[in-house]
N, C-alpha and C. Protein backbone atom coordinates (compact mmCIF):
# COMPACT_ATOMS: atom_id res chain seq x y z
N UNK A 1 89.10 143.57 101.46
CA UNK A 1 88.86 142.31 102.13
C UNK A 1 88.56 141.23 101.09
N UNK A 2 89.23 140.10 101.21
CA UNK A 2 89.02 138.99 100.30
C UNK A 2 87.75 138.24 100.69
N UNK A 3 87.04 137.72 99.69
CA UNK A 3 85.78 137.03 99.95
C UNK A 3 85.97 135.80 100.83
N UNK A 4 87.14 135.19 100.74
CA UNK A 4 87.42 134.00 101.55
C UNK A 4 87.59 134.34 103.03
N UNK A 5 87.74 135.63 103.36
CA UNK A 5 87.86 136.05 104.75
C UNK A 5 86.50 136.15 105.45
N UNK A 6 85.43 136.16 104.68
CA UNK A 6 84.11 136.28 105.30
C UNK A 6 83.72 134.98 105.99
N UNK A 7 83.12 135.10 107.15
CA UNK A 7 82.61 133.92 107.85
C UNK A 7 81.14 133.77 107.49
N UNK A 8 80.89 133.26 106.29
CA UNK A 8 79.54 133.21 105.75
C UNK A 8 78.61 132.30 106.53
N UNK A 9 79.13 131.17 107.00
CA UNK A 9 78.27 130.20 107.69
C UNK A 9 77.64 130.80 108.95
N UNK A 10 78.32 131.76 109.57
CA UNK A 10 77.80 132.35 110.80
C UNK A 10 77.08 133.67 110.59
N UNK A 11 76.90 134.08 109.34
CA UNK A 11 76.23 135.34 109.04
C UNK A 11 74.74 135.21 109.31
N UNK A 12 74.16 136.19 109.99
CA UNK A 12 72.74 136.09 110.35
C UNK A 12 71.81 136.52 109.21
N UNK A 13 72.24 137.46 108.36
CA UNK A 13 71.40 137.91 107.25
C UNK A 13 72.26 138.31 106.07
N UNK A 14 71.77 138.00 104.88
CA UNK A 14 72.44 138.39 103.64
C UNK A 14 71.40 139.08 102.77
N UNK A 15 71.73 140.26 102.28
CA UNK A 15 70.83 140.99 101.39
C UNK A 15 71.40 140.93 99.98
N UNK A 16 70.61 140.38 99.07
CA UNK A 16 71.03 140.28 97.68
C UNK A 16 70.44 141.46 96.92
N UNK A 17 71.30 142.35 96.46
CA UNK A 17 70.86 143.51 95.70
C UNK A 17 70.53 143.13 94.27
N UNK A 18 70.10 144.11 93.50
CA UNK A 18 69.69 143.88 92.13
C UNK A 18 70.82 143.34 91.26
N UNK A 19 72.06 143.59 91.65
CA UNK A 19 73.19 143.12 90.86
C UNK A 19 73.53 141.65 91.05
N UNK A 20 72.91 141.00 92.04
CA UNK A 20 73.25 139.60 92.31
C UNK A 20 72.96 138.70 91.11
N UNK A 21 71.79 138.85 90.52
CA UNK A 21 71.41 137.99 89.40
C UNK A 21 72.33 138.19 88.21
N UNK A 22 72.69 139.45 87.95
CA UNK A 22 73.61 139.72 86.85
C UNK A 22 74.97 139.09 87.14
N UNK A 23 75.43 139.18 88.38
CA UNK A 23 76.72 138.60 88.75
C UNK A 23 76.68 137.07 88.70
N UNK A 24 75.58 136.48 89.18
CA UNK A 24 75.47 135.02 89.22
C UNK A 24 75.35 134.40 87.83
N UNK A 25 74.92 135.18 86.86
CA UNK A 25 74.76 134.66 85.49
C UNK A 25 75.80 135.25 84.54
N UNK A 26 76.85 135.82 85.10
CA UNK A 26 77.92 136.42 84.29
C UNK A 26 77.39 137.45 83.30
N UNK A 27 76.42 138.26 83.77
CA UNK A 27 75.91 139.37 82.98
C UNK A 27 74.76 139.04 82.05
N UNK A 28 74.31 137.79 82.01
CA UNK A 28 73.20 137.44 81.10
C UNK A 28 71.85 137.92 81.62
N UNK A 29 71.69 138.01 82.93
CA UNK A 29 70.44 138.49 83.49
C UNK A 29 70.46 140.02 83.50
N UNK A 30 69.39 140.67 83.05
CA UNK A 30 69.41 142.13 82.96
C UNK A 30 69.28 142.82 84.31
N UNK A 31 69.72 144.06 84.34
CA UNK A 31 69.49 144.94 85.47
C UNK A 31 68.24 145.78 85.17
N UNK A 32 67.82 146.62 86.12
CA UNK A 32 66.61 147.42 85.90
C UNK A 32 66.77 148.37 84.73
N UNK A 33 67.97 148.91 84.54
CA UNK A 33 68.19 149.92 83.51
C UNK A 33 68.38 149.39 82.10
N UNK A 34 68.55 148.07 81.94
CA UNK A 34 68.69 147.54 80.58
C UNK A 34 67.74 146.37 80.33
N UNK A 35 66.66 146.34 81.08
CA UNK A 35 65.72 145.22 80.97
C UNK A 35 65.08 145.13 79.59
N UNK A 36 64.84 146.27 78.96
CA UNK A 36 64.17 146.28 77.65
C UNK A 36 65.14 146.36 76.48
N UNK A 37 66.40 145.99 76.70
CA UNK A 37 67.40 146.11 75.64
C UNK A 37 67.17 145.16 74.47
N UNK A 38 66.32 144.17 74.63
CA UNK A 38 66.03 143.23 73.54
C UNK A 38 64.59 143.36 73.04
N UNK A 39 63.92 144.40 73.45
CA UNK A 39 62.53 144.62 73.02
C UNK A 39 62.49 145.06 71.57
N UNK A 40 61.73 144.33 70.75
CA UNK A 40 61.62 144.63 69.32
C UNK A 40 60.21 145.09 69.00
N UNK A 41 60.10 146.16 68.24
CA UNK A 41 58.80 146.72 67.87
C UNK A 41 57.96 145.73 67.06
N UNK A 42 58.60 144.94 66.23
CA UNK A 42 57.87 143.99 65.38
C UNK A 42 57.22 142.87 66.19
N UNK A 43 57.83 142.49 67.32
CA UNK A 43 57.30 141.40 68.14
C UNK A 43 56.35 141.89 69.23
N UNK A 44 56.57 143.08 69.74
CA UNK A 44 55.75 143.63 70.83
C UNK A 44 55.38 145.07 70.51
N UNK A 45 54.52 145.30 69.52
CA UNK A 45 54.25 146.67 69.07
C UNK A 45 53.65 147.59 70.13
N UNK A 46 52.66 147.09 70.88
CA UNK A 46 52.03 147.95 71.89
C UNK A 46 52.98 148.23 73.06
N UNK A 47 53.67 147.19 73.51
CA UNK A 47 54.61 147.37 74.61
C UNK A 47 55.74 148.32 74.20
N UNK A 48 56.23 148.18 72.99
CA UNK A 48 57.31 149.04 72.50
C UNK A 48 56.87 150.50 72.49
N UNK A 49 55.68 150.75 71.97
CA UNK A 49 55.16 152.12 71.93
C UNK A 49 54.96 152.67 73.34
N UNK A 50 54.47 151.80 74.22
CA UNK A 50 54.23 152.25 75.60
C UNK A 50 55.54 152.59 76.30
N UNK A 51 56.53 151.72 76.21
CA UNK A 51 57.83 151.97 76.86
C UNK A 51 58.45 153.23 76.27
N UNK A 52 58.29 153.45 74.96
CA UNK A 52 58.80 154.67 74.32
C UNK A 52 58.15 155.92 74.89
N UNK A 53 56.88 155.82 75.26
CA UNK A 53 56.18 156.98 75.82
C UNK A 53 56.62 157.28 77.25
N UNK A 54 57.12 156.26 77.95
CA UNK A 54 57.60 156.46 79.33
C UNK A 54 59.05 156.96 79.30
N UNK A 55 59.85 156.37 78.44
CA UNK A 55 61.26 156.73 78.32
C UNK A 55 61.63 156.68 76.84
N UNK A 56 62.07 157.77 76.28
CA UNK A 56 62.33 157.85 74.83
C UNK A 56 63.28 156.77 74.34
N UNK A 57 64.30 156.44 75.14
CA UNK A 57 65.26 155.42 74.74
C UNK A 57 64.83 154.07 75.32
N UNK A 58 64.17 153.27 74.49
CA UNK A 58 63.62 151.99 74.95
C UNK A 58 64.70 151.09 75.53
N UNK A 59 65.87 151.07 74.90
CA UNK A 59 66.94 150.16 75.32
C UNK A 59 67.49 150.49 76.71
N UNK A 60 67.22 151.71 77.20
CA UNK A 60 67.71 152.09 78.53
C UNK A 60 66.57 152.44 79.48
N UNK A 61 65.35 152.05 79.13
CA UNK A 61 64.19 152.36 79.98
C UNK A 61 64.27 151.55 81.27
N UNK A 62 63.97 152.18 82.37
CA UNK A 62 64.00 151.53 83.68
C UNK A 62 62.72 150.72 83.87
N UNK A 63 62.87 149.44 84.15
CA UNK A 63 61.71 148.55 84.25
C UNK A 63 60.77 148.96 85.38
N UNK A 64 61.30 149.48 86.48
CA UNK A 64 60.43 149.87 87.58
C UNK A 64 59.59 151.09 87.23
N UNK A 65 60.14 152.02 86.45
CA UNK A 65 59.36 153.18 86.00
C UNK A 65 58.22 152.73 85.09
N UNK A 66 58.52 151.81 84.20
CA UNK A 66 57.50 151.29 83.29
C UNK A 66 56.39 150.59 84.06
N UNK A 67 56.76 149.74 85.02
CA UNK A 67 55.76 149.01 85.80
C UNK A 67 54.93 149.95 86.68
N UNK A 68 55.57 150.96 87.25
CA UNK A 68 54.85 151.93 88.06
C UNK A 68 53.81 152.68 87.23
N UNK A 69 54.21 153.12 86.04
CA UNK A 69 53.27 153.82 85.16
C UNK A 69 52.12 152.92 84.72
N UNK A 70 52.41 151.66 84.45
CA UNK A 70 51.36 150.72 84.08
C UNK A 70 50.36 150.55 85.22
N UNK A 71 50.88 150.44 86.43
CA UNK A 71 50.01 150.28 87.59
C UNK A 71 49.15 151.52 87.81
N UNK A 72 49.73 152.69 87.59
CA UNK A 72 48.96 153.92 87.75
C UNK A 72 47.85 154.01 86.71
N UNK A 73 48.13 153.60 85.49
CA UNK A 73 47.10 153.60 84.45
C UNK A 73 45.98 152.61 84.81
N UNK A 74 46.39 151.45 85.32
CA UNK A 74 45.41 150.41 85.67
C UNK A 74 44.49 150.85 86.79
N UNK A 75 44.99 151.61 87.75
CA UNK A 75 44.22 151.92 88.96
C UNK A 75 43.64 153.33 89.00
N UNK A 76 44.04 154.20 88.09
CA UNK A 76 43.59 155.60 88.14
C UNK A 76 42.18 155.76 87.58
N UNK A 77 41.40 156.69 88.13
CA UNK A 77 40.06 156.98 87.58
C UNK A 77 40.19 157.63 86.20
N UNK A 78 39.13 157.51 85.41
CA UNK A 78 39.13 158.03 84.04
C UNK A 78 39.46 159.52 83.97
N UNK A 79 39.00 160.29 84.95
CA UNK A 79 39.22 161.75 84.91
C UNK A 79 40.70 162.11 84.98
N UNK A 80 41.48 161.26 85.63
CA UNK A 80 42.91 161.53 85.76
C UNK A 80 43.66 161.16 84.48
N UNK A 81 43.12 160.21 83.73
CA UNK A 81 43.82 159.66 82.57
C UNK A 81 43.57 160.41 81.28
N UNK A 82 42.82 161.48 81.30
CA UNK A 82 42.51 162.20 80.06
C UNK A 82 43.80 162.59 79.35
N UNK A 83 43.83 162.32 78.05
CA UNK A 83 45.03 162.63 77.27
C UNK A 83 45.93 161.42 77.15
N UNK A 84 47.14 161.51 77.72
CA UNK A 84 48.17 160.47 77.58
C UNK A 84 47.68 159.09 78.03
N UNK A 85 47.00 159.02 79.15
CA UNK A 85 46.61 157.73 79.72
C UNK A 85 45.46 157.03 79.03
N UNK A 86 44.58 157.79 78.35
CA UNK A 86 43.40 157.20 77.70
C UNK A 86 43.78 156.10 76.70
N UNK A 87 44.73 156.41 75.87
CA UNK A 87 45.15 155.47 74.83
C UNK A 87 45.67 154.17 75.44
N UNK A 88 46.45 154.29 76.51
CA UNK A 88 47.06 153.12 77.10
C UNK A 88 46.06 152.30 77.91
N UNK A 89 45.12 152.97 78.57
CA UNK A 89 44.11 152.25 79.37
C UNK A 89 43.29 151.33 78.46
N UNK A 90 42.93 151.81 77.29
CA UNK A 90 42.13 151.02 76.36
C UNK A 90 42.88 149.78 75.86
N UNK A 91 44.20 149.86 75.81
CA UNK A 91 45.01 148.76 75.28
C UNK A 91 45.82 148.05 76.36
N UNK A 92 45.45 148.26 77.61
CA UNK A 92 46.20 147.68 78.72
C UNK A 92 46.29 146.15 78.67
N UNK A 93 45.21 145.42 78.36
CA UNK A 93 45.33 143.96 78.29
C UNK A 93 46.38 143.50 77.28
N UNK A 94 46.44 144.14 76.12
CA UNK A 94 47.42 143.76 75.11
C UNK A 94 48.84 144.09 75.56
N UNK A 95 49.01 145.26 76.18
CA UNK A 95 50.34 145.65 76.70
C UNK A 95 50.79 144.65 77.74
N UNK A 96 49.89 144.25 78.64
CA UNK A 96 50.26 143.30 79.69
C UNK A 96 50.61 141.93 79.12
N UNK A 97 49.88 141.47 78.09
CA UNK A 97 50.21 140.19 77.45
C UNK A 97 51.60 140.25 76.82
N UNK A 98 51.88 141.33 76.12
CA UNK A 98 53.19 141.47 75.48
C UNK A 98 54.31 141.58 76.52
N UNK A 99 54.03 142.25 77.63
CA UNK A 99 55.02 142.37 78.70
C UNK A 99 55.32 141.00 79.31
N UNK A 100 54.29 140.22 79.54
CA UNK A 100 54.48 138.89 80.11
C UNK A 100 55.33 138.02 79.19
N UNK A 101 55.03 138.05 77.90
CA UNK A 101 55.81 137.27 76.93
C UNK A 101 57.26 137.75 76.88
N UNK A 102 57.44 139.06 76.91
CA UNK A 102 58.80 139.59 76.84
C UNK A 102 59.61 139.22 78.09
N UNK A 103 58.98 139.32 79.26
CA UNK A 103 59.68 138.99 80.51
C UNK A 103 60.18 137.55 80.46
N UNK A 104 59.31 136.63 80.07
CA UNK A 104 59.72 135.22 80.01
C UNK A 104 60.84 135.01 78.98
N UNK A 105 60.72 135.67 77.84
CA UNK A 105 61.76 135.58 76.81
C UNK A 105 63.08 136.18 77.29
N UNK A 106 63.00 137.33 77.97
CA UNK A 106 64.22 138.07 78.36
C UNK A 106 65.02 137.33 79.42
N UNK A 107 64.33 136.70 80.36
CA UNK A 107 65.08 136.07 81.46
C UNK A 107 65.42 134.61 81.19
N UNK A 108 64.78 134.03 80.19
CA UNK A 108 65.00 132.62 79.90
C UNK A 108 66.48 132.30 79.65
N UNK A 109 67.12 133.12 78.88
CA UNK A 109 68.52 132.87 78.53
C UNK A 109 69.47 133.10 79.70
N UNK A 110 69.04 133.88 80.69
CA UNK A 110 69.95 134.23 81.77
C UNK A 110 69.84 133.40 83.02
N UNK A 111 68.97 132.39 83.03
CA UNK A 111 68.73 131.65 84.27
C UNK A 111 69.81 130.64 84.61
N UNK A 112 70.62 130.24 83.66
CA UNK A 112 71.66 129.24 83.93
C UNK A 112 72.79 129.84 84.75
N UNK A 113 73.21 129.11 85.77
CA UNK A 113 74.31 129.55 86.63
C UNK A 113 75.42 128.52 86.58
N UNK A 114 76.63 128.98 86.27
CA UNK A 114 77.78 128.07 86.24
C UNK A 114 78.16 127.66 87.66
N UNK A 115 78.56 126.40 87.85
CA UNK A 115 78.86 125.92 89.21
C UNK A 115 80.01 126.65 89.90
N UNK A 116 80.94 127.21 89.12
CA UNK A 116 82.10 127.88 89.74
C UNK A 116 81.92 129.40 89.82
N UNK A 117 80.71 129.88 89.60
CA UNK A 117 80.45 131.32 89.64
C UNK A 117 80.65 131.85 91.07
N UNK A 118 81.35 132.97 91.21
CA UNK A 118 81.70 133.48 92.53
C UNK A 118 80.46 133.94 93.32
N UNK A 119 79.49 134.55 92.65
CA UNK A 119 78.31 135.06 93.36
C UNK A 119 77.46 133.92 93.91
N UNK A 120 77.28 132.86 93.11
CA UNK A 120 76.49 131.73 93.60
C UNK A 120 77.25 131.01 94.72
N UNK A 121 78.57 130.99 94.63
CA UNK A 121 79.38 130.35 95.68
C UNK A 121 79.23 131.08 97.01
N UNK A 122 79.17 132.41 96.94
CA UNK A 122 78.99 133.20 98.16
C UNK A 122 77.65 132.86 98.80
N UNK A 123 76.59 132.84 98.00
CA UNK A 123 75.26 132.54 98.54
C UNK A 123 75.21 131.14 99.13
N UNK A 124 75.81 130.17 98.45
CA UNK A 124 75.78 128.80 98.93
C UNK A 124 76.68 128.59 100.15
N UNK A 125 77.55 129.55 100.43
CA UNK A 125 78.40 129.45 101.61
C UNK A 125 77.71 129.89 102.89
N UNK A 126 76.52 130.42 102.78
CA UNK A 126 75.77 130.86 103.97
C UNK A 126 75.26 129.66 104.75
N UNK A 127 75.10 129.84 106.05
CA UNK A 127 74.66 128.75 106.92
C UNK A 127 73.15 128.54 106.90
N UNK A 128 72.72 127.49 107.59
CA UNK A 128 71.30 127.12 107.63
C UNK A 128 70.46 128.18 108.34
N UNK A 129 71.07 128.97 109.21
CA UNK A 129 70.33 129.99 109.96
C UNK A 129 70.47 131.38 109.36
N UNK A 130 71.06 131.47 108.19
CA UNK A 130 71.21 132.76 107.52
C UNK A 130 69.92 133.11 106.79
N UNK A 131 69.33 134.23 107.13
CA UNK A 131 68.14 134.71 106.43
C UNK A 131 68.59 135.46 105.19
N UNK A 132 68.02 135.09 104.04
CA UNK A 132 68.39 135.71 102.77
C UNK A 132 67.26 136.64 102.34
N UNK A 133 67.60 137.90 102.13
CA UNK A 133 66.63 138.89 101.65
C UNK A 133 67.03 139.22 100.21
N UNK A 134 66.18 138.85 99.27
CA UNK A 134 66.51 139.04 97.86
C UNK A 134 65.64 140.11 97.23
N UNK A 135 66.28 141.09 96.60
CA UNK A 135 65.58 142.17 95.91
C UNK A 135 65.32 141.82 94.44
N UNK A 136 65.65 140.58 94.06
CA UNK A 136 65.56 140.18 92.66
C UNK A 136 64.21 139.56 92.33
N UNK A 137 63.67 139.91 91.17
CA UNK A 137 62.39 139.35 90.73
C UNK A 137 62.53 137.91 90.24
N UNK A 138 63.71 137.56 89.74
CA UNK A 138 63.89 136.20 89.21
C UNK A 138 64.02 135.21 90.36
N UNK A 139 64.16 133.94 90.01
CA UNK A 139 64.21 132.90 91.05
C UNK A 139 65.58 132.22 91.15
N UNK A 140 66.63 132.95 90.78
CA UNK A 140 67.98 132.36 90.82
C UNK A 140 68.38 132.03 92.25
N UNK A 141 68.19 132.96 93.17
CA UNK A 141 68.56 132.71 94.57
C UNK A 141 67.76 131.54 95.15
N UNK A 142 66.46 131.48 94.83
CA UNK A 142 65.63 130.37 95.33
C UNK A 142 66.17 129.03 94.86
N UNK A 143 66.51 128.97 93.57
CA UNK A 143 66.98 127.70 93.01
C UNK A 143 68.32 127.29 93.61
N UNK A 144 69.21 128.26 93.81
CA UNK A 144 70.51 127.94 94.42
C UNK A 144 70.34 127.43 95.84
N UNK A 145 69.47 128.10 96.61
CA UNK A 145 69.26 127.68 97.99
C UNK A 145 68.55 126.34 98.07
N UNK A 146 67.63 126.08 97.17
CA UNK A 146 66.93 124.79 97.16
C UNK A 146 67.89 123.65 96.81
N UNK A 147 68.76 123.89 95.84
CA UNK A 147 69.75 122.87 95.48
C UNK A 147 70.66 122.57 96.66
N UNK A 148 71.05 123.63 97.35
CA UNK A 148 71.91 123.46 98.51
C UNK A 148 71.19 122.66 99.60
N UNK A 149 69.92 122.97 99.80
CA UNK A 149 69.15 122.29 100.84
C UNK A 149 68.98 120.81 100.55
N UNK A 150 68.82 120.45 99.29
CA UNK A 150 68.51 119.07 98.95
C UNK A 150 69.73 118.22 98.61
N UNK A 151 70.84 118.86 98.23
CA UNK A 151 71.98 118.07 97.75
C UNK A 151 73.22 118.20 98.61
N UNK A 152 73.62 119.43 98.90
CA UNK A 152 74.92 119.65 99.52
C UNK A 152 74.98 119.25 100.99
N UNK A 153 73.96 119.63 101.73
CA UNK A 153 73.98 119.40 103.18
C UNK A 153 72.77 118.55 103.56
N UNK A 154 72.99 117.32 104.01
CA UNK A 154 71.86 116.45 104.35
C UNK A 154 70.94 117.07 105.41
N UNK A 155 69.66 117.00 105.17
CA UNK A 155 68.62 117.46 106.10
C UNK A 155 68.68 118.96 106.41
N UNK A 156 69.34 119.75 105.59
CA UNK A 156 69.32 121.19 105.78
C UNK A 156 67.93 121.70 105.39
N UNK A 157 67.24 122.41 106.27
CA UNK A 157 65.88 122.84 105.94
C UNK A 157 65.85 123.76 104.72
N UNK A 158 64.85 123.54 103.89
CA UNK A 158 64.68 124.34 102.69
C UNK A 158 64.23 125.75 103.08
N UNK A 159 64.79 126.81 102.48
CA UNK A 159 64.39 128.17 102.83
C UNK A 159 62.92 128.46 102.50
N UNK A 160 62.40 127.79 101.48
CA UNK A 160 60.99 127.98 101.13
C UNK A 160 60.09 127.41 102.23
N UNK A 161 60.44 126.21 102.70
CA UNK A 161 59.66 125.57 103.76
C UNK A 161 59.71 126.39 105.04
N UNK A 162 60.86 126.98 105.31
CA UNK A 162 60.97 127.84 106.50
C UNK A 162 60.04 129.04 106.38
N UNK A 163 59.94 129.62 105.18
CA UNK A 163 59.06 130.78 105.01
C UNK A 163 57.60 130.37 105.10
N UNK A 164 57.25 129.19 104.61
CA UNK A 164 55.88 128.70 104.74
C UNK A 164 55.52 128.57 106.22
N UNK A 165 56.42 127.99 106.99
CA UNK A 165 56.18 127.84 108.43
C UNK A 165 56.06 129.20 109.11
N UNK A 166 56.92 130.12 108.71
CA UNK A 166 56.90 131.47 109.29
C UNK A 166 55.59 132.17 108.98
N UNK A 167 55.14 132.10 107.73
CA UNK A 167 53.88 132.75 107.34
C UNK A 167 52.69 132.09 108.04
N UNK A 168 52.74 130.78 108.18
CA UNK A 168 51.65 130.07 108.84
C UNK A 168 51.54 130.47 110.31
N UNK A 169 52.68 130.64 110.97
CA UNK A 169 52.67 131.02 112.37
C UNK A 169 52.14 132.44 112.57
N UNK A 170 52.35 133.30 111.60
CA UNK A 170 51.92 134.69 111.76
C UNK A 170 50.55 134.96 111.16
N UNK A 171 49.90 133.91 110.63
CA UNK A 171 48.60 134.08 109.99
C UNK A 171 47.49 134.25 111.02
N UNK A 172 46.61 135.21 110.81
CA UNK A 172 45.49 135.44 111.72
C UNK A 172 44.45 134.33 111.67
N UNK A 173 44.45 133.55 110.58
CA UNK A 173 43.45 132.50 110.41
C UNK A 173 43.76 131.27 111.25
N UNK A 174 45.02 131.04 111.52
CA UNK A 174 45.41 129.83 112.24
C UNK A 174 45.65 130.11 113.71
N UNK A 175 45.88 129.02 114.43
CA UNK A 175 46.20 129.16 115.84
C UNK A 175 47.55 129.86 115.96
N UNK A 176 47.56 131.02 116.56
CA UNK A 176 48.80 131.79 116.64
C UNK A 176 49.67 131.29 117.78
N UNK A 177 50.89 130.98 117.43
CA UNK A 177 51.84 130.53 118.43
C UNK A 177 52.82 131.65 118.74
N UNK A 178 53.48 131.51 119.83
CA UNK A 178 54.53 132.46 120.19
C UNK A 178 55.67 132.31 119.19
N UNK A 179 56.04 133.39 118.51
CA UNK A 179 57.13 133.31 117.55
C UNK A 179 58.45 133.62 118.25
N UNK A 180 59.41 132.75 118.03
CA UNK A 180 60.71 132.93 118.65
C UNK A 180 61.70 133.45 117.63
N UNK A 181 62.86 133.83 118.12
CA UNK A 181 63.93 134.31 117.25
C UNK A 181 64.33 133.25 116.24
N UNK A 182 64.26 132.00 116.63
CA UNK A 182 64.65 130.91 115.73
C UNK A 182 63.74 130.79 114.53
N UNK A 183 62.45 131.17 114.70
CA UNK A 183 61.51 131.09 113.59
C UNK A 183 61.92 131.97 112.42
N UNK A 184 62.62 133.06 112.71
CA UNK A 184 62.98 134.02 111.67
C UNK A 184 64.27 133.65 110.96
N UNK A 185 65.01 132.71 111.49
CA UNK A 185 66.32 132.41 110.92
C UNK A 185 66.23 131.43 109.76
N UNK A 186 67.00 131.72 108.72
CA UNK A 186 67.14 130.78 107.62
C UNK A 186 66.08 130.84 106.55
N UNK A 187 65.19 131.81 106.60
CA UNK A 187 64.15 131.91 105.58
C UNK A 187 64.62 132.71 104.38
N UNK A 188 63.80 132.72 103.36
CA UNK A 188 64.06 133.51 102.16
C UNK A 188 62.96 134.54 102.04
N UNK A 189 63.32 135.81 102.08
CA UNK A 189 62.35 136.90 102.03
C UNK A 189 62.52 137.67 100.73
N UNK A 190 61.42 137.85 100.00
CA UNK A 190 61.46 138.57 98.72
C UNK A 190 60.47 139.72 98.77
N UNK A 191 60.91 140.91 99.20
CA UNK A 191 59.98 142.05 99.32
C UNK A 191 59.31 142.44 98.01
N UNK A 192 59.98 142.19 96.87
CA UNK A 192 59.42 142.60 95.58
C UNK A 192 58.65 141.50 94.87
N UNK A 193 58.57 140.32 95.48
CA UNK A 193 57.90 139.22 94.80
C UNK A 193 58.82 138.52 93.84
N UNK A 194 58.26 137.58 93.09
CA UNK A 194 59.08 136.76 92.21
C UNK A 194 58.29 136.32 90.99
N UNK A 195 59.01 136.10 89.91
CA UNK A 195 58.36 135.54 88.72
C UNK A 195 57.88 134.13 89.00
N UNK A 196 58.47 133.47 90.00
CA UNK A 196 58.06 132.11 90.33
C UNK A 196 56.62 132.08 90.83
N UNK A 197 56.11 133.18 91.34
CA UNK A 197 54.74 133.22 91.85
C UNK A 197 53.74 133.01 90.72
N UNK A 198 54.13 133.28 89.50
CA UNK A 198 53.25 133.12 88.35
C UNK A 198 52.77 131.68 88.25
N UNK A 199 53.60 130.75 88.68
CA UNK A 199 53.26 129.34 88.59
C UNK A 199 52.36 128.92 89.74
C-alpha cells in the first residue's frame, strides 16, 4: 500500500514507534540499541564503566536496560546491592550527571527535521482529531505537531493544550466534569515521558 493511499486526516489514532525519530531525522536520531554509540570513556568515565558493566559492548548497549539497572540501584536496599551494586550506588550522582550530559549531546545533532522528510509529512498529514501516541523520548513529534498547529492550519488546537485540558478534567483536585469522547481526540500522549519535561 502506498502512503498516499492512507486517509490520514480521518485517522482516529496514530502510534509512533521508536523508529519514528530515526526516520524523521534520516537516521541521525539513535534507536534504543545504538544510543551509546558515541559514548567516550575520556568524556564520561563513570558512565562508560557503568554501561560496560551492564553490556560488554558499549556501542550496542540498550538504553532501556541501562536505565532500568540505574533505577534498580537507586531504589534497592543496601542488602540487595552487596557486591556489584555497591560501587555504583556510591557513584550514582556522578553517573547521572554524565548520563544527562551525554543525552543532551547525543540528541542535539539529530533534532533537525528536513521539510520534505516522509515520516514528518505523514505525521503532519493527520487531522485535528487524531490522537498521537508517541513512544519516543525526544520531542520531535511535539515540535512537528506544534508547528502544524500554529502555522499550517489556522486555529487548529495545539496537541499540548488539548492534553493540558484533558489532564485538568481528569484531575481529582479540580471540579470534575463529565468527559466526552471529544475530549480524548487530538491530544498527544507520551507513555514514556519526554526530554522536554526537563525544562
